[in-house]
N, C-alpha and C. Protein backbone atom coordinates (compact mmCIF):
# COMPACT_ATOMS: atom_id res chain seq x y z
N MET A 1 -131.39 -68.56 133.92
CA MET A 1 -131.14 -67.20 134.37
C MET A 1 -129.66 -66.90 134.17
N THR A 2 -129.35 -65.80 133.54
CA THR A 2 -127.95 -65.47 133.29
C THR A 2 -127.44 -64.51 134.34
N ASP A 3 -126.15 -64.61 134.58
CA ASP A 3 -125.49 -63.74 135.55
C ASP A 3 -125.01 -62.48 134.83
N THR A 4 -125.64 -61.35 135.12
CA THR A 4 -125.28 -60.10 134.43
C THR A 4 -123.98 -59.52 134.95
N SER A 5 -123.46 -60.06 136.06
CA SER A 5 -122.21 -59.53 136.59
C SER A 5 -121.00 -60.25 136.00
N ALA A 6 -121.23 -61.13 135.04
CA ALA A 6 -120.12 -61.85 134.42
C ALA A 6 -119.24 -60.88 133.66
N PRO A 7 -117.95 -61.14 133.63
CA PRO A 7 -117.05 -60.22 132.95
C PRO A 7 -117.28 -60.18 131.46
N ALA A 8 -117.06 -59.00 130.88
CA ALA A 8 -117.21 -58.84 129.45
C ALA A 8 -116.11 -59.59 128.71
N LYS A 9 -114.91 -59.56 129.28
CA LYS A 9 -113.79 -60.29 128.71
C LYS A 9 -113.31 -61.29 129.74
N GLN A 10 -112.85 -62.42 129.28
CA GLN A 10 -112.38 -63.44 130.19
C GLN A 10 -111.18 -62.92 130.97
N GLY A 11 -111.22 -63.08 132.31
CA GLY A 11 -110.11 -62.65 133.14
C GLY A 11 -110.31 -61.26 133.75
N ARG A 12 -111.13 -60.43 133.17
CA ARG A 12 -111.34 -59.09 133.70
C ARG A 12 -112.66 -59.06 134.46
N PRO A 13 -112.63 -58.61 135.73
CA PRO A 13 -113.88 -58.51 136.49
C PRO A 13 -114.83 -57.50 135.85
N ALA A 14 -116.13 -57.75 136.00
CA ALA A 14 -117.14 -56.87 135.41
C ALA A 14 -117.08 -55.47 136.03
N LEU A 15 -116.86 -55.40 137.34
CA LEU A 15 -116.74 -54.12 138.02
C LEU A 15 -115.28 -53.70 137.92
N ASP A 16 -115.01 -52.65 137.19
CA ASP A 16 -113.63 -52.24 136.95
C ASP A 16 -113.24 -51.08 137.87
N LEU A 17 -112.75 -51.42 139.04
CA LEU A 17 -112.33 -50.41 140.00
C LEU A 17 -111.09 -49.66 139.53
N PHE A 18 -110.39 -50.23 138.58
CA PHE A 18 -109.13 -49.64 138.13
C PHE A 18 -109.29 -48.85 136.82
N MET A 19 -110.52 -48.51 136.47
CA MET A 19 -110.76 -47.71 135.27
C MET A 19 -110.05 -46.35 135.32
N PRO A 20 -110.03 -45.66 136.47
CA PRO A 20 -109.29 -44.39 136.50
C PRO A 20 -107.80 -44.58 136.17
N LEU A 21 -107.22 -45.69 136.60
CA LEU A 21 -105.82 -45.95 136.27
C LEU A 21 -105.65 -46.25 134.79
N ARG A 22 -106.62 -46.96 134.21
CA ARG A 22 -106.57 -47.23 132.77
C ARG A 22 -106.61 -45.91 131.98
N ILE A 23 -107.45 -45.00 132.42
CA ILE A 23 -107.55 -43.70 131.75
C ILE A 23 -106.24 -42.94 131.89
N ALA A 24 -105.65 -42.96 133.09
CA ALA A 24 -104.37 -42.28 133.31
C ALA A 24 -103.27 -42.87 132.43
N ILE A 25 -103.25 -44.19 132.30
CA ILE A 25 -102.26 -44.85 131.46
C ILE A 25 -102.46 -44.45 129.99
N THR A 26 -103.70 -44.45 129.56
CA THR A 26 -104.01 -44.07 128.18
C THR A 26 -103.58 -42.64 127.90
N LEU A 27 -103.92 -41.73 128.80
CA LEU A 27 -103.53 -40.34 128.62
C LEU A 27 -102.01 -40.20 128.63
N GLY A 28 -101.35 -40.95 129.52
CA GLY A 28 -99.89 -40.92 129.57
C GLY A 28 -99.27 -41.39 128.27
N LEU A 29 -99.82 -42.46 127.70
CA LEU A 29 -99.30 -42.95 126.42
C LEU A 29 -99.52 -41.94 125.29
N ILE A 30 -100.66 -41.29 125.31
CA ILE A 30 -100.94 -40.27 124.29
C ILE A 30 -99.92 -39.13 124.41
N VAL A 31 -99.65 -38.71 125.64
CA VAL A 31 -98.68 -37.64 125.85
C VAL A 31 -97.29 -38.08 125.39
N VAL A 32 -96.90 -39.33 125.68
CA VAL A 32 -95.59 -39.83 125.26
C VAL A 32 -95.48 -39.82 123.73
N VAL A 33 -96.53 -40.26 123.05
CA VAL A 33 -96.50 -40.27 121.58
C VAL A 33 -96.39 -38.84 121.04
N ILE A 34 -97.19 -37.93 121.59
CA ILE A 34 -97.14 -36.54 121.14
C ILE A 34 -95.76 -35.93 121.41
N LEU A 35 -95.21 -36.21 122.61
CA LEU A 35 -93.88 -35.70 122.93
C LEU A 35 -92.82 -36.23 121.98
N THR A 36 -92.91 -37.51 121.67
CA THR A 36 -91.93 -38.11 120.76
C THR A 36 -92.03 -37.51 119.37
N LEU A 37 -93.24 -37.34 118.88
CA LEU A 37 -93.43 -36.71 117.58
C LEU A 37 -92.94 -35.26 117.59
N ALA A 38 -93.20 -34.56 118.69
CA ALA A 38 -92.72 -33.17 118.80
C ALA A 38 -91.19 -33.13 118.83
N GLN A 39 -90.59 -34.10 119.54
CA GLN A 39 -89.13 -34.18 119.58
C GLN A 39 -88.57 -34.33 118.17
N ILE A 40 -89.14 -35.23 117.41
CA ILE A 40 -88.68 -35.48 116.04
C ILE A 40 -88.82 -34.22 115.20
N PHE A 41 -89.98 -33.59 115.29
CA PHE A 41 -90.24 -32.38 114.50
C PHE A 41 -89.26 -31.26 114.86
N PHE A 42 -89.15 -30.98 116.16
CA PHE A 42 -88.28 -29.88 116.58
C PHE A 42 -86.80 -30.17 116.30
N ARG A 43 -86.39 -31.42 116.45
CA ARG A 43 -84.98 -31.75 116.26
C ARG A 43 -84.59 -31.76 114.78
N PHE A 44 -85.40 -32.43 113.95
CA PHE A 44 -84.98 -32.63 112.56
C PHE A 44 -85.55 -31.60 111.58
N VAL A 45 -86.69 -31.00 111.92
CA VAL A 45 -87.27 -30.02 111.00
C VAL A 45 -86.84 -28.60 111.39
N LEU A 46 -86.99 -28.27 112.66
CA LEU A 46 -86.65 -26.92 113.12
C LEU A 46 -85.20 -26.80 113.60
N ASP A 47 -84.51 -27.92 113.72
CA ASP A 47 -83.13 -27.96 114.20
C ASP A 47 -82.98 -27.25 115.55
N SER A 48 -83.98 -27.46 116.41
CA SER A 48 -83.99 -26.87 117.75
C SER A 48 -84.63 -27.88 118.71
N PRO A 49 -83.86 -28.85 119.20
CA PRO A 49 -84.45 -29.91 120.01
C PRO A 49 -85.05 -29.41 121.32
N LEU A 50 -86.09 -30.09 121.75
CA LEU A 50 -86.71 -29.81 123.04
C LEU A 50 -85.91 -30.56 124.11
N ILE A 51 -85.21 -29.88 124.92
CA ILE A 51 -84.32 -30.49 125.90
C ILE A 51 -85.11 -31.30 126.93
N TRP A 52 -86.23 -30.80 127.37
CA TRP A 52 -86.99 -31.38 128.46
C TRP A 52 -87.88 -32.55 128.02
N SER A 53 -88.18 -32.67 126.75
CA SER A 53 -89.18 -33.65 126.29
C SER A 53 -88.73 -35.09 126.50
N GLU A 54 -87.46 -35.37 126.31
CA GLU A 54 -86.98 -36.74 126.49
C GLU A 54 -87.08 -37.17 127.95
N GLU A 55 -86.72 -36.28 128.86
CA GLU A 55 -86.83 -36.58 130.29
C GLU A 55 -88.27 -36.82 130.69
N LEU A 56 -89.16 -35.98 130.21
CA LEU A 56 -90.58 -36.13 130.55
C LEU A 56 -91.14 -37.43 129.97
N ALA A 57 -90.79 -37.76 128.75
CA ALA A 57 -91.27 -39.01 128.13
C ALA A 57 -90.76 -40.22 128.93
N ARG A 58 -89.49 -40.18 129.32
CA ARG A 58 -88.92 -41.29 130.10
C ARG A 58 -89.63 -41.42 131.45
N LEU A 59 -89.88 -40.29 132.11
CA LEU A 59 -90.58 -40.29 133.39
C LEU A 59 -91.99 -40.85 133.25
N LEU A 60 -92.70 -40.44 132.21
CA LEU A 60 -94.05 -40.95 131.97
C LEU A 60 -94.05 -42.45 131.70
N ILE A 61 -93.06 -42.93 130.98
CA ILE A 61 -92.99 -44.37 130.69
C ILE A 61 -92.78 -45.17 131.97
N VAL A 62 -91.97 -44.65 132.87
CA VAL A 62 -91.76 -45.35 134.16
C VAL A 62 -93.08 -45.40 134.93
N TRP A 63 -93.79 -44.28 135.00
CA TRP A 63 -95.07 -44.25 135.70
C TRP A 63 -96.09 -45.19 135.03
N ILE A 64 -96.15 -45.15 133.71
CA ILE A 64 -97.08 -46.01 132.97
C ILE A 64 -96.79 -47.48 133.26
N THR A 65 -95.52 -47.84 133.34
CA THR A 65 -95.13 -49.23 133.58
C THR A 65 -95.65 -49.74 134.92
N PHE A 66 -95.42 -48.98 135.97
CA PHE A 66 -95.80 -49.46 137.30
C PHE A 66 -97.29 -49.33 137.57
N ILE A 67 -97.93 -48.33 137.03
CA ILE A 67 -99.39 -48.24 137.17
C ILE A 67 -100.03 -49.32 136.30
N GLY A 68 -99.45 -49.57 135.15
CA GLY A 68 -99.94 -50.65 134.28
C GLY A 68 -99.80 -52.02 134.93
N ALA A 69 -98.76 -52.20 135.72
CA ALA A 69 -98.59 -53.48 136.44
C ALA A 69 -99.73 -53.68 137.43
N ALA A 70 -100.18 -52.61 138.07
CA ALA A 70 -101.32 -52.72 138.99
C ALA A 70 -102.60 -53.09 138.24
N VAL A 71 -102.79 -52.50 137.08
CA VAL A 71 -103.97 -52.84 136.26
C VAL A 71 -103.88 -54.30 135.82
N ALA A 72 -102.68 -54.76 135.47
CA ALA A 72 -102.51 -56.16 135.09
C ALA A 72 -102.84 -57.08 136.26
N CYS A 73 -102.50 -56.68 137.48
CA CYS A 73 -102.86 -57.47 138.66
C CYS A 73 -104.37 -57.53 138.82
N TRP A 74 -105.05 -56.41 138.63
CA TRP A 74 -106.50 -56.38 138.75
C TRP A 74 -107.15 -57.28 137.69
N ASP A 75 -106.59 -57.26 136.49
CA ASP A 75 -107.13 -58.08 135.41
C ASP A 75 -106.74 -59.55 135.54
N GLY A 76 -105.79 -59.87 136.40
CA GLY A 76 -105.31 -61.25 136.53
C GLY A 76 -104.47 -61.66 135.33
N ARG A 77 -103.77 -60.71 134.74
CA ARG A 77 -103.03 -60.97 133.51
C ARG A 77 -101.52 -60.90 133.69
N HIS A 78 -101.06 -60.88 134.94
CA HIS A 78 -99.63 -60.91 135.15
C HIS A 78 -99.07 -62.25 134.71
N LEU A 79 -97.80 -62.26 134.38
CA LEU A 79 -97.17 -63.52 133.98
C LEU A 79 -97.26 -64.53 135.11
N ASN A 80 -97.54 -65.75 134.75
CA ASN A 80 -97.53 -66.81 135.75
C ASN A 80 -97.13 -68.12 135.08
N ILE A 81 -96.65 -69.02 135.89
CA ILE A 81 -96.26 -70.33 135.40
C ILE A 81 -97.33 -71.31 135.89
N ASP A 82 -98.12 -71.80 134.96
CA ASP A 82 -99.24 -72.64 135.37
C ASP A 82 -99.10 -74.09 134.92
N VAL A 83 -97.85 -74.53 134.71
CA VAL A 83 -97.62 -75.93 134.36
C VAL A 83 -98.05 -76.78 135.54
N GLY A 84 -98.95 -77.66 135.33
CA GLY A 84 -99.44 -78.55 136.38
C GLY A 84 -100.56 -77.95 137.21
N PHE A 85 -100.77 -76.64 137.13
CA PHE A 85 -101.82 -76.01 137.92
C PHE A 85 -103.20 -76.54 137.54
N GLY A 86 -103.43 -76.73 136.25
CA GLY A 86 -104.71 -77.24 135.77
C GLY A 86 -104.99 -78.66 136.21
N ALA A 87 -103.94 -79.42 136.51
CA ALA A 87 -104.12 -80.81 136.94
C ALA A 87 -104.46 -80.92 138.42
N LEU A 88 -104.30 -79.84 139.17
CA LEU A 88 -104.59 -79.87 140.60
C LEU A 88 -106.09 -79.92 140.84
N PRO A 89 -106.49 -80.56 141.94
CA PRO A 89 -107.91 -80.52 142.31
C PRO A 89 -108.34 -79.08 142.62
N LEU A 90 -109.62 -78.81 142.55
CA LEU A 90 -110.15 -77.46 142.73
C LEU A 90 -109.74 -76.85 144.07
N VAL A 91 -109.78 -77.63 145.13
CA VAL A 91 -109.40 -77.12 146.46
C VAL A 91 -107.92 -76.74 146.47
N ALA A 92 -107.08 -77.58 145.89
CA ALA A 92 -105.64 -77.30 145.84
C ALA A 92 -105.37 -76.05 145.02
N ARG A 93 -106.12 -75.86 143.94
CA ARG A 93 -105.95 -74.64 143.13
C ARG A 93 -106.26 -73.40 143.96
N SER A 94 -107.33 -73.48 144.74
CA SER A 94 -107.70 -72.34 145.59
C SER A 94 -106.61 -72.04 146.61
N VAL A 95 -106.04 -73.08 147.19
CA VAL A 95 -104.97 -72.90 148.18
C VAL A 95 -103.73 -72.30 147.51
N VAL A 96 -103.36 -72.81 146.35
CA VAL A 96 -102.20 -72.29 145.63
C VAL A 96 -102.44 -70.83 145.24
N ARG A 97 -103.65 -70.52 144.81
CA ARG A 97 -103.99 -69.14 144.44
C ARG A 97 -103.85 -68.20 145.65
N LEU A 98 -104.32 -68.65 146.81
CA LEU A 98 -104.22 -67.84 148.02
C LEU A 98 -102.76 -67.65 148.45
N ILE A 99 -101.98 -68.73 148.38
CA ILE A 99 -100.55 -68.62 148.73
C ILE A 99 -99.85 -67.67 147.77
N ASN A 100 -100.14 -67.80 146.49
CA ASN A 100 -99.55 -66.92 145.49
C ASN A 100 -99.92 -65.46 145.76
N ALA A 101 -101.18 -65.22 146.07
CA ALA A 101 -101.63 -63.85 146.35
C ALA A 101 -100.95 -63.32 147.61
N ALA A 102 -100.85 -64.14 148.64
CA ALA A 102 -100.22 -63.70 149.89
C ALA A 102 -98.74 -63.36 149.66
N LEU A 103 -98.05 -64.19 148.91
CA LEU A 103 -96.63 -63.92 148.61
C LEU A 103 -96.49 -62.64 147.78
N SER A 104 -97.37 -62.46 146.80
CA SER A 104 -97.30 -61.27 145.95
C SER A 104 -97.58 -60.00 146.74
N VAL A 105 -98.60 -60.02 147.57
CA VAL A 105 -98.93 -58.86 148.41
C VAL A 105 -97.78 -58.59 149.38
N GLY A 106 -97.24 -59.65 149.97
CA GLY A 106 -96.10 -59.50 150.88
C GLY A 106 -94.91 -58.86 150.20
N PHE A 107 -94.60 -59.31 148.98
CA PHE A 107 -93.49 -58.72 148.23
C PHE A 107 -93.75 -57.25 147.95
N CYS A 108 -94.96 -56.93 147.55
CA CYS A 108 -95.29 -55.53 147.25
C CYS A 108 -95.14 -54.66 148.50
N ILE A 109 -95.59 -55.16 149.64
CA ILE A 109 -95.48 -54.40 150.89
C ILE A 109 -94.01 -54.23 151.28
N LEU A 110 -93.21 -55.28 151.11
CA LEU A 110 -91.78 -55.18 151.41
C LEU A 110 -91.07 -54.18 150.51
N LEU A 111 -91.57 -53.99 149.32
CA LEU A 111 -90.96 -53.09 148.34
C LEU A 111 -91.18 -51.62 148.66
N ILE A 112 -92.24 -51.31 149.38
CA ILE A 112 -92.64 -49.92 149.59
C ILE A 112 -91.63 -49.14 150.44
N SER A 113 -91.28 -49.65 151.61
CA SER A 113 -90.43 -48.90 152.54
C SER A 113 -89.05 -48.56 151.98
N PRO A 114 -88.29 -49.54 151.45
CA PRO A 114 -86.98 -49.16 150.91
C PRO A 114 -87.08 -48.22 149.71
N THR A 115 -88.14 -48.36 148.93
CA THR A 115 -88.31 -47.47 147.79
C THR A 115 -88.56 -46.04 148.26
N LEU A 116 -89.37 -45.87 149.28
CA LEU A 116 -89.63 -44.52 149.80
C LEU A 116 -88.37 -43.91 150.41
N ARG A 117 -87.54 -44.74 151.05
CA ARG A 117 -86.25 -44.23 151.56
C ARG A 117 -85.37 -43.75 150.41
N LEU A 118 -85.36 -44.52 149.33
CA LEU A 118 -84.57 -44.14 148.16
C LEU A 118 -85.11 -42.85 147.53
N VAL A 119 -86.43 -42.70 147.51
CA VAL A 119 -87.04 -41.47 146.99
C VAL A 119 -86.58 -40.27 147.82
N LYS A 120 -86.60 -40.43 149.15
CA LYS A 120 -86.17 -39.32 150.03
C LYS A 120 -84.71 -38.94 149.77
N ILE A 121 -83.86 -39.94 149.60
CA ILE A 121 -82.44 -39.68 149.34
C ILE A 121 -82.27 -38.96 148.00
N GLU A 122 -82.97 -39.44 146.98
CA GLU A 122 -82.82 -38.86 145.65
C GLU A 122 -83.48 -37.50 145.51
N ASN A 123 -84.37 -37.15 146.42
CA ASN A 123 -85.03 -35.85 146.34
C ASN A 123 -84.10 -34.69 146.66
N PHE A 124 -82.88 -35.00 147.13
CA PHE A 124 -81.91 -33.94 147.38
C PHE A 124 -81.31 -33.39 146.09
N SER A 125 -81.50 -34.11 144.99
CA SER A 125 -81.00 -33.61 143.70
C SER A 125 -82.18 -33.46 142.75
N GLU A 126 -81.94 -32.72 141.67
CA GLU A 126 -83.00 -32.49 140.70
C GLU A 126 -82.67 -33.17 139.38
N MET A 127 -83.71 -33.45 138.62
CA MET A 127 -83.51 -33.93 137.27
C MET A 127 -82.94 -32.79 136.44
N GLY A 128 -82.27 -33.10 135.37
CA GLY A 128 -81.59 -32.07 134.58
C GLY A 128 -82.48 -30.98 134.04
N ALA A 129 -83.28 -31.28 133.05
CA ALA A 129 -84.02 -30.24 132.33
C ALA A 129 -85.36 -29.90 132.99
N LEU A 130 -85.97 -30.84 133.66
CA LEU A 130 -87.32 -30.61 134.20
C LEU A 130 -87.32 -29.88 135.54
N GLU A 131 -86.18 -29.87 136.21
CA GLU A 131 -86.06 -29.25 137.52
C GLU A 131 -87.07 -29.81 138.52
N LEU A 132 -87.27 -31.11 138.43
CA LEU A 132 -88.09 -31.84 139.40
C LEU A 132 -87.17 -32.64 140.29
N PRO A 133 -87.60 -32.98 141.50
CA PRO A 133 -86.76 -33.82 142.35
C PRO A 133 -86.50 -35.17 141.68
N SER A 134 -85.30 -35.68 141.78
CA SER A 134 -84.94 -36.95 141.14
C SER A 134 -85.73 -38.13 141.69
N GLY A 135 -86.21 -38.02 142.90
CA GLY A 135 -86.97 -39.11 143.51
C GLY A 135 -88.25 -39.44 142.78
N ILE A 136 -88.73 -38.52 141.97
CA ILE A 136 -89.98 -38.76 141.23
C ILE A 136 -89.84 -39.90 140.23
N VAL A 137 -88.61 -40.24 139.88
CA VAL A 137 -88.38 -41.37 138.97
C VAL A 137 -88.55 -42.68 139.72
N ARG A 138 -88.22 -42.71 141.00
CA ARG A 138 -88.34 -43.94 141.81
C ARG A 138 -89.71 -44.07 142.47
N LEU A 139 -90.41 -42.98 142.63
CA LEU A 139 -91.72 -43.00 143.30
C LEU A 139 -92.73 -43.95 142.68
N PRO A 140 -92.77 -44.12 141.36
CA PRO A 140 -93.76 -45.04 140.78
C PRO A 140 -93.62 -46.48 141.27
N VAL A 141 -92.43 -46.86 141.71
CA VAL A 141 -92.25 -48.23 142.24
C VAL A 141 -93.10 -48.40 143.49
N ALA A 142 -93.02 -47.43 144.41
CA ALA A 142 -93.79 -47.51 145.65
C ALA A 142 -95.29 -47.38 145.38
N VAL A 143 -95.65 -46.42 144.55
CA VAL A 143 -97.07 -46.21 144.23
C VAL A 143 -97.63 -47.45 143.52
N GLY A 144 -96.87 -47.97 142.56
CA GLY A 144 -97.30 -49.18 141.85
C GLY A 144 -97.42 -50.36 142.79
N ALA A 145 -96.49 -50.50 143.75
CA ALA A 145 -96.56 -51.61 144.70
C ALA A 145 -97.82 -51.52 145.56
N VAL A 146 -98.17 -50.31 145.97
CA VAL A 146 -99.41 -50.13 146.76
C VAL A 146 -100.62 -50.53 145.91
N PHE A 147 -100.68 -50.02 144.69
CA PHE A 147 -101.80 -50.35 143.81
C PHE A 147 -101.83 -51.84 143.45
N MET A 148 -100.66 -52.47 143.26
CA MET A 148 -100.63 -53.91 142.95
C MET A 148 -101.16 -54.72 144.12
N ALA A 149 -100.70 -54.41 145.34
CA ALA A 149 -101.18 -55.13 146.52
C ALA A 149 -102.69 -54.95 146.67
N LEU A 150 -103.15 -53.73 146.50
CA LEU A 150 -104.58 -53.45 146.58
C LEU A 150 -105.35 -54.22 145.51
N ALA A 151 -104.83 -54.24 144.30
CA ALA A 151 -105.49 -54.95 143.20
C ALA A 151 -105.59 -56.44 143.47
N ILE A 152 -104.53 -57.02 144.00
CA ILE A 152 -104.53 -58.46 144.27
C ILE A 152 -105.56 -58.80 145.34
N VAL A 153 -105.57 -58.01 146.41
CA VAL A 153 -106.52 -58.26 147.50
C VAL A 153 -107.95 -58.03 147.02
N LEU A 154 -108.20 -56.92 146.35
CA LEU A 154 -109.56 -56.63 145.86
C LEU A 154 -110.04 -57.68 144.86
N ARG A 155 -109.13 -58.14 144.01
CA ARG A 155 -109.50 -59.18 143.04
C ARG A 155 -109.90 -60.47 143.74
N LEU A 156 -109.16 -60.84 144.78
CA LEU A 156 -109.52 -62.05 145.54
C LEU A 156 -110.90 -61.91 146.18
N VAL A 157 -111.14 -60.77 146.82
CA VAL A 157 -112.43 -60.53 147.48
C VAL A 157 -113.55 -60.51 146.45
N TYR A 158 -113.35 -59.76 145.37
CA TYR A 158 -114.37 -59.65 144.33
C TYR A 158 -114.64 -61.00 143.67
N ARG A 159 -113.58 -61.73 143.39
CA ARG A 159 -113.73 -63.03 142.74
C ARG A 159 -114.47 -64.00 143.63
N ARG A 160 -114.16 -63.99 144.94
CA ARG A 160 -114.83 -64.88 145.88
C ARG A 160 -116.32 -64.55 145.96
N ARG A 161 -116.65 -63.26 146.00
CA ARG A 161 -118.07 -62.86 146.05
C ARG A 161 -118.79 -63.25 144.77
N ARG A 162 -118.13 -63.03 143.63
CA ARG A 162 -118.75 -63.35 142.35
C ARG A 162 -118.97 -64.85 142.22
N THR A 163 -118.00 -65.65 142.67
CA THR A 163 -118.13 -67.10 142.62
C THR A 163 -119.28 -67.56 143.51
N ALA A 164 -119.38 -66.97 144.71
CA ALA A 164 -120.47 -67.33 145.61
C ALA A 164 -121.81 -66.97 145.00
N ARG A 165 -121.90 -65.80 144.36
CA ARG A 165 -123.16 -65.37 143.74
C ARG A 165 -123.52 -66.30 142.58
N THR A 166 -122.53 -66.71 141.80
CA THR A 166 -122.78 -67.61 140.67
C THR A 166 -123.27 -68.96 141.19
N ARG A 167 -122.67 -69.45 142.27
CA ARG A 167 -123.11 -70.73 142.86
C ARG A 167 -124.55 -70.63 143.37
N GLU A 168 -124.88 -69.47 144.00
CA GLU A 168 -126.25 -69.28 144.49
C GLU A 168 -127.23 -69.30 143.32
N ASN A 169 -126.90 -68.62 142.24
CA ASN A 169 -127.76 -68.60 141.06
C ASN A 169 -127.89 -70.02 140.48
N PHE A 170 -126.80 -70.77 140.49
CA PHE A 170 -126.84 -72.13 139.97
C PHE A 170 -127.79 -72.98 140.83
N LEU A 171 -127.69 -72.82 142.15
CA LEU A 171 -128.57 -73.59 143.03
C LEU A 171 -130.04 -73.17 142.83
N LYS A 172 -130.29 -71.89 142.64
CA LYS A 172 -131.66 -71.42 142.43
C LYS A 172 -132.23 -72.00 141.13
N ASP A 173 -131.42 -72.02 140.07
CA ASP A 173 -131.88 -72.55 138.79
C ASP A 173 -132.12 -74.06 138.86
N ALA A 174 -131.35 -74.74 139.73
CA ALA A 174 -131.45 -76.19 139.79
C ALA A 174 -132.72 -76.63 140.48
N MET A 175 -133.29 -75.81 141.34
CA MET A 175 -134.47 -76.22 142.10
C MET A 175 -135.73 -76.06 141.34
């Protein structure tokens, strides 16, 4: 009996709760590419640069980076140092994984409050061409930290349930 809930790609859970974020990142990248091409066209062909396009592209890249970090957490694809991890017994690996997740979630939670204070301070000024509050450049750090913490916790819960279900199926097949 095969487990239909197995991930399509190794490392990515079959249930993709972060698909809306993937779509937002994709749309953001498309907009950045279009903006960059428009910048080139208007600057070098029409000799009339779009003043606001560079600011908007930079802002989108910052948002894409931090939202993308949350998606990477959900996929379990963040950078890690696993020298010696494979040599640990299975129980020790689980403990190390839990400690790593707890430290990561703790760091993300610690990052939120000072970032929001910085956003409030920077909201007193505006960005140059876009006339948006300057804090919008720092806001993705807090939003990304919330999504990263959520992704890490949800991945642990989902992975634990999937592992338990796989073990149950294995026991059923063995009998």
